[in-house]
C-alpha atoms as a PDB file:
ATOM      1  CA  MET A   1      -2.739 -10.651 -58.634  1.00  0.00           C
ATOM      2  CA  ALA A   2       0.450 -12.893 -59.498  1.00  0.00           C
ATOM      3  CA  SER A   3       1.290  -9.955 -62.165  1.00  0.00           C
ATOM      4  CA  TRP A   4       1.578  -7.759 -59.707  1.00  0.00           C
ATOM      5  CA  PHE A   5       3.137  -9.211 -57.149  1.00  0.00           C
ATOM      6  CA  ASN A   6       6.013  -9.788 -59.764  1.00  0.00           C
ATOM      7  CA  LYS A   7       6.273  -6.300 -60.088  1.00  0.00           C
ATOM      8  CA  ILE A   8       7.225  -6.433 -56.279  1.00  0.00           C
ATOM      9  CA  VAL A   9       9.520  -9.449 -55.404  1.00  0.00           C
ATOM     10  CA  ARG A  10      11.697 -11.076 -58.118  1.00  0.00           C
ATOM     11  CA  PRO A  11      12.497 -14.732 -57.134  1.00  0.00           C
ATOM     12  CA  GLY A  12      16.735 -15.011 -55.818  1.00  0.00           C
ATOM     13  CA  PRO A  13      18.058 -13.732 -53.011  1.00  0.00           C
ATOM     14  CA  GLY A  14      14.637 -12.069 -51.820  1.00  0.00           C
ATOM     15  CA  LEU A  15      15.388  -9.047 -52.876  1.00  0.00           C
ATOM     16  CA  ILE A  16      12.764  -6.438 -53.004  1.00  0.00           C
ATOM     17  CA  THR A  17      12.122  -4.558 -56.398  1.00  0.00           C
ATOM     18  CA  ALA A  18       9.651  -2.395 -57.763  1.00  0.00           C
ATOM     19  CA  ARG A  19      10.409  -2.382 -61.717  1.00  0.00           C
ATOM     20  CA  HIS A  20       7.444  -0.565 -63.284  1.00  0.00           C
ATOM     21  CA  ASN A  21       6.180   1.608 -60.195  1.00  0.00           C
ATOM     22  CA  PRO A  22       8.086   4.357 -58.621  1.00  0.00           C
ATOM     23  CA  GLY A  23       5.452   4.849 -55.631  1.00  0.00           C
ATOM     24  CA  LEU A  24       5.952   0.969 -54.744  1.00  0.00           C
ATOM     25  CA  TRP A  25       9.738   0.949 -54.722  1.00  0.00           C
ATOM     26  CA  LEU A  26       9.100   4.119 -52.095  1.00  0.00           C
ATOM     27  CA  ILE A  27       7.065   1.787 -50.177  1.00  0.00           C
ATOM     28  CA  THR A  28       8.852  -1.309 -50.125  1.00  0.00           C
ATOM     29  CA  SER A  29      12.737   0.249 -49.397  1.00  0.00           C
ATOM     30  CA  PHE A  30      11.085   2.059 -46.363  1.00  0.00           C
ATOM     31  CA  VAL A  31       9.707  -1.419 -45.415  1.00  0.00           C
ATOM     32  CA  PHE A  32      13.262  -3.145 -46.032  1.00  0.00           C
ATOM     33  CA  VAL A  33      14.801  -0.376 -44.188  1.00  0.00           C
ATOM     34  CA  THR A  34      12.655  -0.653 -40.914  1.00  0.00           C
ATOM     35  CA  VAL A  35      12.938  -3.963 -40.898  1.00  0.00           C
ATOM     36  CA  SER A  36      16.187  -3.923 -40.877  1.00  0.00           C
ATOM     37  CA  PHE A  37      16.427  -0.866 -38.161  1.00  0.00           C
ATOM     38  CA  ALA A  38      14.754  -3.267 -35.963  1.00  0.00           C
ATOM     39  CA  LEU A  39      16.869  -6.456 -36.463  1.00  0.00           C
ATOM     40  CA  PHE A  40      19.562  -4.181 -35.664  1.00  0.00           C
ATOM     41  CA  ILE A  41      17.881  -2.846 -32.783  1.00  0.00           C
ATOM     42  CA  LEU A  42      16.806  -6.780 -31.256  1.00  0.00           C
ATOM     43  CA  VAL A  43      20.269  -8.575 -31.755  1.00  0.00           C
ATOM     44  CA  GLY A  44      22.348  -5.418 -30.686  1.00  0.00           C
ATOM     45  CA  CYS A  45      20.965  -4.537 -27.631  1.00  0.00           C
ATOM     46  CA  GLY A  46      20.534  -8.166 -26.567  1.00  0.00           C
ATOM     47  CA  ASP A  47      24.174  -8.446 -26.027  1.00  0.00           C
ATOM     48  CA  LEU A  48      24.472  -4.993 -23.857  1.00  0.00           C
ATOM     49  CA  GLU A  49      24.356  -4.941 -19.576  1.00  0.00           C
ATOM     50  CA  SER A  50      23.835  -2.523 -17.606  1.00  0.00           C
ATOM     51  CA  GLU A  51      27.158  -2.367 -15.406  1.00  0.00           C
ATOM     52  CA  ILE A  52      26.246  -0.585 -11.600  1.00  0.00           C
ATOM     53  CA  VAL A  53      28.069   2.310 -11.248  1.00  0.00           C
ATOM     54  CA  SER A  54      26.284   2.913  -7.678  1.00  0.00           C
ATOM     55  CA  PHE A  55      25.474   1.257  -5.077  1.00  0.00           C
ATOM     56  CA  LYS A  56      24.009   2.347  -1.785  1.00  0.00           C
ATOM     57  CA  LEU A  57      21.644   1.473   0.725  1.00  0.00           C
ATOM     58  CA  SER A  58      18.295   2.968   2.354  1.00  0.00           C
ATOM     59  CA  PRO A  59      18.564   3.839   4.740  1.00  0.00           C
ATOM     60  CA  PRO A  60      22.400   4.678   5.151  1.00  0.00           C
ATOM     61  CA  ILE A  61      22.319   5.389   8.973  1.00  0.00           C
ATOM     62  CA  ALA A  62      19.506   3.774  11.310  1.00  0.00           C
ATOM     63  CA  THR A  63      18.613   4.414  15.178  1.00  0.00           C
ATOM     64  CA  ILE A  64      16.836   1.675  16.050  1.00  0.00           C
ATOM     65  CA  GLY A  65      14.976   0.246  19.401  1.00  0.00           C
ATOM     66  CA  ILE A  66      16.147  -3.174  20.656  1.00  0.00           C
ATOM     67  CA  ASN A  67      14.198  -5.746  19.477  1.00  0.00           C
ATOM     68  CA  HIS A  68      12.347  -3.438  16.734  1.00  0.00           C
ATOM     69  CA  PRO A  69      12.423  -4.003  13.143  1.00  0.00           C
ATOM     70  CA  GLN A  70      13.615  -2.220  10.191  1.00  0.00           C
ATOM     71  CA  LEU A  71      13.179  -2.672   6.161  1.00  0.00           C
ATOM     72  CA  PHE A  72      17.040  -1.898   4.060  1.00  0.00           C
ATOM     73  CA  THR A  73      16.813  -1.477   0.370  1.00  0.00           C
ATOM     74  CA  VAL A  74      19.305  -1.565  -2.017  1.00  0.00           C
ATOM     75  CA  ILE A  75      19.602   1.557  -4.347  1.00  0.00           C
ATOM     76  CA  ALA A  76      21.469   0.451  -7.908  1.00  0.00           C
ATOM     77  CA  LYS A  77      22.013   2.688 -10.723  1.00  0.00           C
ATOM     78  CA  ASP A  78      23.800   2.448 -13.954  1.00  0.00           C
ATOM     79  CA  SER A  79      26.127   4.632 -16.420  1.00  0.00           C
ATOM     80  CA  LEU A  80      22.733   6.297 -17.154  1.00  0.00           C
ATOM     81  CA  ASP A  81      21.637   7.010 -13.963  1.00  0.00           C
ATOM     82  CA  GLN A  82      18.603   4.428 -14.177  1.00  0.00           C
ATOM     83  CA  ILE A  83      17.926   2.134 -11.143  1.00  0.00           C
ATOM     84  CA  VAL A  84      18.928  -1.314 -11.743  1.00  0.00           C
ATOM     85  CA  SER A  85      17.343  -4.194 -10.288  1.00  0.00           C
ATOM     86  CA  VAL A  86      19.200  -6.457  -8.350  1.00  0.00           C
ATOM     87  CA  VAL A  87      19.632  -9.429  -5.937  1.00  0.00           C
ATOM     88  CA  PRO A  88      21.982  -8.679  -3.090  1.00  0.00           C
ATOM     89  CA  THR A  89      23.206 -10.567  -0.295  1.00  0.00           C
ATOM     90  CA  TRP A  90      22.258  -9.559   2.990  1.00  0.00           C
ATOM     91  CA  SER A  91      24.990  -9.280   6.480  1.00  0.00           C
ATOM     92  CA  VAL A  92      25.226  -8.153   9.484  1.00  0.00           C
ATOM     93  CA  THR A  93      28.233  -6.978  11.564  1.00  0.00           C
ATOM     94  CA  GLY A  94      28.756  -6.434  15.595  1.00  0.00           C
ATOM     95  CA  GLU A  95      26.096  -9.021  16.772  1.00  0.00           C
ATOM     96  CA  ILE A  96      23.364  -5.954  16.385  1.00  0.00           C
ATOM     97  CA  GLY A  97      20.499  -8.185  15.084  1.00  0.00           C
ATOM     98  CA  THR A  98      19.668 -10.397  12.125  1.00  0.00           C
ATOM     99  CA  ILE A  99      18.655  -9.745   8.545  1.00  0.00           C
ATOM    100  CA  SER A 100      16.286 -11.930   6.381  1.00  0.00           C
ATOM    101  CA  SER A 101      17.182 -12.478   2.675  1.00  0.00           C
ATOM    102  CA  GLY A 102      14.912  -9.355   1.778  1.00  0.00           C
ATOM    103  CA  GLY A 103      16.453  -6.793   3.744  1.00  0.00           C
ATOM    104  CA  LEU A 104      14.347  -7.176   6.719  1.00  0.00           C
ATOM    105  CA  PHE A 105      16.668  -5.812  10.017  1.00  0.00           C
ATOM    106  CA  ILE A 106      14.966  -7.175  13.387  1.00  0.00           C
ATOM    107  CA  ALA A 107      17.531  -5.796  16.155  1.00  0.00           C
ATOM    108  CA  ALA A 108      19.009  -7.400  19.421  1.00  0.00           C
ATOM    109  CA  ALA A 109      17.717  -7.650  22.483  1.00  0.00           C
ATOM    110  CA  ARG A 110      20.580  -5.301  23.517  1.00  0.00           C
ATOM    111  CA  THR A 111      21.737  -2.067  22.655  1.00  0.00           C
ATOM    112  CA  GLY A 112      25.339  -2.323  20.523  1.00  0.00           C
ATOM    113  CA  GLU A 113      26.193  -0.405  16.943  1.00  0.00           C
ATOM    114  CA  GLY A 114      27.370  -2.439  13.857  1.00  0.00           C
ATOM    115  CA  PHE A 115      26.930  -2.692  10.137  1.00  0.00           C
ATOM    116  CA  VAL A 116      24.114  -3.617   7.988  1.00  0.00           C
ATOM    117  CA  ARG A 117      25.865  -4.808   4.705  1.00  0.00           C
ATOM    118  CA  ALA A 118      24.293  -5.510   1.266  1.00  0.00           C
ATOM    119  CA  THR A 119      26.733  -7.312  -1.938  1.00  0.00           C
ATOM    120  CA  ALA A 120      25.956  -7.623  -5.465  1.00  0.00           C
ATOM    121  CA  ASN A 121      27.600  -7.768  -8.655  1.00  0.00           C
ATOM    122  CA  GLY A 122      30.909  -7.481  -6.819  1.00  0.00           C
ATOM    123  CA  LEU A 123      30.046  -4.202  -5.121  1.00  0.00           C
ATOM    124  CA  THR A 124      29.246  -3.898  -1.564  1.00  0.00           C
ATOM    125  CA  ALA A 125      27.313  -1.032   0.568  1.00  0.00           C
ATOM    126  CA  GLU A 126      26.462  -0.691   4.338  1.00  0.00           C
ATOM    127  CA  ALA A 127      24.091   1.079   6.513  1.00  0.00           C
ATOM    128  CA  VAL A 128      25.527   2.070  10.208  1.00  0.00           C
ATOM    129  CA  VAL A 129      22.903   0.797  12.555  1.00  0.00           C
ATOM    130  CA  THR A 130      22.817   1.788  16.723  1.00  0.00           C
ATOM    131  CA  VAL A 131      20.577  -0.309  18.662  1.00  0.00           C
ATOM    132  CA  THR A 132      19.238   1.645  21.451  1.00  0.00           C
ATOM    133  CA  ASP A 133      17.099   1.070  24.695  1.00  0.00           C
ATOM    134  CA  LEU A 134      16.544   5.249  24.503  1.00  0.00           C
ATOM    135  CA  GLY A 135      13.759   6.956  22.499  1.00  0.00           C
ATOM    136  CA  TRP A 136      12.479  10.717  21.878  1.00  0.00           C
ATOM    137  CA  ILE A 137      10.055  13.182  22.327  1.00  0.00           C
ATOM    138  CA  GLN A 138       9.129  15.708  19.718  1.00  0.00           C
ATOM    139  CA  GLY A 139       6.473  17.721  18.850  1.00  0.00           C
ATOM    140  CA  ARG A 140       5.889  21.647  17.992  1.00  0.00           C
ATOM    141  CA  VAL A 141       4.522  24.198  19.836  1.00  0.00           C
ATOM    142  CA  VAL A 142       2.141  27.233  18.875  1.00  0.00           C
ATOM    143  CA  ASP A 143       0.052  29.552  20.896  1.00  0.00           C
ATOM    144  CA  SER A 144      -3.582  30.299  21.307  1.00  0.00           C
ATOM    145  CA  VAL A 145      -4.008  32.004  18.369  1.00  0.00           C
ATOM    146  CA  GLY A 146      -1.693  29.781  15.970  1.00  0.00           C
ATOM    147  CA  ASN A 147       1.397  31.379  15.783  1.00  0.00           C
ATOM    148  CA  LEU A 148       4.966  29.392  15.782  1.00  0.00           C
ATOM    149  CA  VAL A 149       6.432  29.709  19.519  1.00  0.00           C
ATOM    150  CA  PRO A 150      10.147  30.006  19.030  1.00  0.00           C
ATOM    151  CA  ASN A 151      12.833  29.451  22.096  1.00  0.00           C
ATOM    152  CA  LEU A 152      10.941  27.834  24.643  1.00  0.00           C
ATOM    153  CA  LYS A 153      11.985  25.430  26.453  1.00  0.00           C
ATOM    154  CA  VAL A 154      10.527  22.266  27.064  1.00  0.00           C
ATOM    155  CA  TYR A 155      11.212  19.811  29.751  1.00  0.00           C
ATOM    156  CA  LEU A 156      10.431  16.523  31.264  1.00  0.00           C
ATOM    157  CA  PHE A 157       9.466  16.741  35.183  1.00  0.00           C
ATOM    158  CA  ASN A 158      11.967  15.472  37.666  1.00  0.00           C
ATOM    159  CA  SER A 159      14.637  15.240  34.652  1.00  0.00           C
ATOM    160  CA  SER A 160      17.960  16.727  33.111  1.00  0.00           C
ATOM    161  CA  ASN A 161      16.011  16.042  29.312  1.00  0.00           C
ATOM    162  CA  PHE A 162      15.153  19.003  27.867  1.00  0.00           C
ATOM    163  CA  ASP A 163      15.030  21.430  24.585  1.00  0.00           C
ATOM    164  CA  PHE A 164      14.535  24.569  23.268  1.00  0.00           C
ATOM    165  CA  THR A 165      11.867  25.473  20.199  1.00  0.00           C
ATOM    166  CA  ASP A 166      13.248  26.758  17.163  1.00  0.00           C
ATOM    167  CA  SER A 167      12.469  29.471  14.531  1.00  0.00           C
ATOM    168  CA  SER A 168       9.717  26.852  13.827  1.00  0.00           C
ATOM    169  CA  GLY A 169       8.297  26.077  16.919  1.00  0.00           C
ATOM    170  CA  LYS A 170       9.712  22.400  16.992  1.00  0.00           C
ATOM    171  CA  TYR A 171      11.382  21.095  19.597  1.00  0.00           C
ATOM    172  CA  SER A 172      13.265  17.085  20.144  1.00  0.00           C
ATOM    173  CA  ILE A 173      14.266  16.024  23.525  1.00  0.00           C
ATOM    174  CA  SER A 174      16.862  12.972  22.609  1.00  0.00           C
ATOM    175  CA  GLN A 175      18.172  10.264  25.332  1.00  0.00           C
ATOM    176  CA  VAL A 176      14.953   9.049  26.643  1.00  0.00           C
ATOM    177  CA  PRO A 177      14.197   5.880  28.937  1.00  0.00           C
ATOM    178  CA  ALA A 178      11.505   4.332  27.784  1.00  0.00           C
ATOM    179  CA  GLY A 179       8.471   4.827  30.236  1.00  0.00           C
ATOM    180  CA  THR A 180       5.683   7.731  31.306  1.00  0.00           C
ATOM    181  CA  TYR A 181       6.833  11.098  30.835  1.00  0.00           C
ATOM    182  CA  SER A 182       5.085  14.570  32.105  1.00  0.00           C
ATOM    183  CA  VAL A 183       6.330  17.104  29.227  1.00  0.00           C
ATOM    184  CA  TRP A 184       6.280  20.389  30.168  1.00  0.00           C
ATOM    185  CA  THR A 185       6.668  24.292  28.922  1.00  0.00           C
ATOM    186  CA  THR A 186       8.013  26.581  30.581  1.00  0.00           C
ATOM    187  CA  GLN A 187       6.011  29.710  32.152  1.00  0.00           C
ATOM    188  CA  THR A 188       6.922  32.903  30.742  1.00  0.00           C
ATOM    189  CA  SER A 189       5.700  36.460  30.938  1.00  0.00           C
ATOM    190  CA  VAL A 190       3.739  36.130  28.011  1.00  0.00           C
ATOM    191  CA  TYR A 191       3.138  32.614  27.817  1.00  0.00           C
ATOM    192  CA  ARG A 192       1.080  29.884  30.322  1.00  0.00           C
ATOM    193  CA  ALA A 193       2.727  25.990  31.521  1.00  0.00           C
ATOM    194  CA  ALA A 194       1.309  23.833  29.956  1.00  0.00           C
ATOM    195  CA  SER A 195       2.156  19.589  30.230  1.00  0.00           C
ATOM    196  CA  ALA A 196       1.367  16.677  28.379  1.00  0.00           C
ATOM    197  CA  GLU A 197       1.629  13.044  29.103  1.00  0.00           C
ATOM    198  CA  ALA A 198       4.328  11.240  26.790  1.00  0.00           C
ATOM    199  CA  VAL A 199       4.374   7.171  26.822  1.00  0.00           C
ATOM    200  CA  VAL A 200       8.186   6.661  25.078  1.00  0.00           C
ATOM    201  CA  THR A 201       9.342   3.409  23.371  1.00  0.00           C
ATOM    202  CA  SER A 202      12.536   2.443  22.870  1.00  0.00           C
ATOM    203  CA  GLY A 203      14.280   3.260  19.526  1.00  0.00           C
ATOM    204  CA  GLU A 204      11.505   5.700  18.802  1.00  0.00           C
ATOM    205  CA  ALA A 205      10.045   9.291  18.601  1.00  0.00           C
ATOM    206  CA  THR A 206       6.718  10.062  20.574  1.00  0.00           C
ATOM    207  CA  PRO A 207       5.161  12.742  19.473  1.00  0.00           C
ATOM    208  CA  VAL A 208       3.592  15.421  21.934  1.00  0.00           C
ATOM    209  CA  ASN A 209       2.718  18.662  20.667  1.00  0.00           C
ATOM    210  CA  PHE A 210       1.462  21.822  22.455  1.00  0.00           C
ATOM    211  CA  THR A 211      -1.044  24.985  22.234  1.00  0.00           C
ATOM    212  CA  ILE A 212      -0.123  27.116  25.103  1.00  0.00           C
ATOM    213  CA  LEU A 213      -2.287  29.960  26.462  1.00  0.00           C
ATOM    214  CA  TYR A 214      -1.347  33.693  26.556  1.00  0.00           C
ATOM    215  CA  PHE A 215      -0.540  34.939  30.230  1.00  0.00           C
ATOM    216  CA  VAL A 216      -3.497  37.591  30.459  1.00  0.00           C
ATOM    217  CA  THR A 217      -7.131  37.554  32.650  1.00  0.00           C
ATOM    218  CA  PRO A 218      -9.165  35.949  31.667  1.00  0.00           C
ATOM    219  CA  ALA A 219      -7.523  33.132  30.226  1.00  0.00           C
ATOM    220  CA  ASP A 220      -7.846  32.495  26.261  1.00  0.00           C
ATOM    221  CA  THR A 221      -9.766  29.017  26.605  1.00  0.00           C
ATOM    222  CA  ASN A 222     -10.465  28.582  23.148  1.00  0.00           C
ATOM    223  CA  PRO A 223      -7.177  28.017  21.252  1.00  0.00           C
ATOM    224  CA  PRO A 224      -7.190  26.665  17.727  1.00  0.00           C
ATOM    225  CA  ASP A 225      -7.080  22.761  17.086  1.00  0.00           C
ATOM    226  CA  PHE A 226      -3.563  22.154  15.682  1.00  0.00           C
ATOM    227  CA  ASN A 227      -2.739  19.147  13.412  1.00  0.00           C
ATOM    228  CA  PRO A 228       1.250  18.640  13.182  1.00  0.00           C
END
């Protein structure tokens, strides 16, 4: 065993040799190169740092109801477009609320506009924030056989708030004060009117979907279920 070992390792500076066996020479040389490359990666890469070149907040724009929470997060990327972990310092301008060290924003008890800012590694990103006491009513309108209904007026009873459905049957009525409303679709020569009750909360969207019946006799009393 000792004689075989001496054919591979020569005392001195620790060089690997194989004087009498070419096969051993290939194996030991491969080991030497592999170890050297691994050491280069461990030593060299330890000196590298990921430089942040992109720094932004999510969401970049937020409309939040009074006293409501909203979580903000930082998205930081390096020159290779890889996401980099950072621990930012948070701040709020405009007296619109407060924010925790983890990015949880709590809106103030009054309306207003301002910014949420995050700073890290000498970079700053900000989000535009509007605190509102208003809400939205939105949804989709389909007919009793499941077809989308475009260009149909949807309105709030005894209110000037309304919207028309788009090509996908969707509508959105904005700037609605908190409260309870009766939402109606307009009667046409094709469709009967329909209504539903909606409870609006400040800073939130209340979903109200409609399945409307054709204006025929007898009326279609078996509309399909609709899941938004």
